Protein backbone atom coordinates (compact mmCIF):
# COMPACT_ATOMS: atom_id res chain seq x y z
CA UNK A 1 0.00 0.00 0.00
CA UNK A 2 1.53 3.28 -1.06
CA UNK A 3 -0.58 5.58 1.08
CA UNK A 4 -0.89 4.38 4.66
CA UNK A 5 -3.83 5.97 6.55
CA UNK A 6 -2.18 5.12 9.88
CA UNK A 7 0.67 7.56 9.11
CA UNK A 8 0.04 11.32 9.17
CA UNK A 9 2.13 11.98 6.07
CA UNK A 10 4.34 10.14 3.62
CA UNK A 11 6.69 11.61 1.07
CA UNK A 12 8.01 9.52 -1.80
CA UNK A 13 10.82 11.52 -3.34
CA UNK A 14 14.45 11.83 -4.29
CA UNK A 15 17.21 13.46 -2.24
CA UNK A 16 18.51 15.05 -5.46
CA UNK A 17 15.18 16.84 -6.04
CA UNK A 18 14.85 20.35 -4.57
CA UNK A 19 11.04 20.02 -4.49
CA UNK A 20 11.30 16.93 -2.32
CA UNK A 21 13.54 18.89 0.05
CA UNK A 22 11.01 21.72 0.17
CA UNK A 23 8.17 19.31 0.97
CA UNK A 24 10.20 17.79 3.81
CA UNK A 25 11.08 21.25 5.16
CA UNK A 26 7.43 22.32 5.04
CA UNK A 27 6.26 19.31 7.06
CA UNK A 28 9.09 19.74 9.56
CA UNK A 29 8.25 23.45 9.94
CA UNK A 30 4.66 22.54 10.83
CA UNK A 31 5.82 19.69 13.10
CA UNK A 32 4.01 17.02 11.08
CA UNK A 33 5.26 13.49 11.61
CA UNK A 34 6.03 11.86 8.29
CA UNK A 35 7.76 8.93 6.68
CA UNK A 36 10.20 9.63 3.86
CA UNK A 37 10.78 7.02 1.18
CA UNK A 38 13.82 7.79 -0.96
CA UNK A 39 13.08 6.55 -4.48
CA UNK A 40 16.80 6.68 -5.29
CA UNK A 41 17.43 3.78 -2.92
CA UNK A 42 17.57 0.48 -4.80
CA UNK A 43 14.95 -1.22 -2.61
CA UNK A 44 12.46 1.61 -3.23
CA UNK A 45 12.82 1.88 -7.01
CA UNK A 46 9.99 -0.64 -7.33
CA UNK A 47 7.51 2.06 -6.28
CA UNK A 48 8.29 4.49 -9.11
CA UNK A 49 6.17 2.91 -11.85
CA UNK A 50 3.24 2.29 -9.52
CA UNK A 51 3.32 5.84 -8.11
CA UNK A 52 3.32 7.32 -11.59
CA UNK A 53 0.55 5.00 -12.75
CA UNK A 54 -1.69 5.39 -9.67
CA UNK A 55 -1.33 9.16 -9.33
CA UNK A 56 -0.99 10.19 -13.01
CA UNK A 57 1.95 12.32 -11.86
CA UNK A 58 5.39 11.87 -13.38
CA UNK A 59 7.43 14.03 -11.02
CA UNK A 60 8.53 13.80 -7.39
CA UNK A 61 7.64 14.30 -4.65
CA UNK A 62 4.50 12.26 -4.16
CA UNK A 63 2.85 13.48 -0.97
CA UNK A 64 0.26 11.43 0.91
CA UNK A 65 -1.69 12.72 3.91
CA UNK A 66 -3.45 10.10 6.03
CA UNK A 67 -3.18 7.66 3.14
CA UNK A 68 -4.65 9.98 0.52
CA UNK A 69 -2.53 11.25 -2.36
CA UNK A 70 -2.61 15.05 -2.37
CA UNK A 71 -0.05 15.81 -5.08
CA UNK A 72 3.46 17.20 -5.18
CA UNK A 73 5.05 20.08 -3.30
CA UNK A 74 2.69 22.74 -4.64
CA UNK A 75 -0.37 20.83 -3.49
């Protein structure tokens, strides 16, 4: 399951992406607990195709709040 409703927020992103960094900073600023899944790690690459397919979004980050996909950083 990509979006876990038991977790306040999840970010699927890449450390090399400035938008992923901004999303992380925003959640930290508002003291929101979140899980970060680095899509550049070999064991997490398997999520990339499914994220793109399920969300119809081709760019990182993928932000989920309480298991619901809300979009990227600008969302």
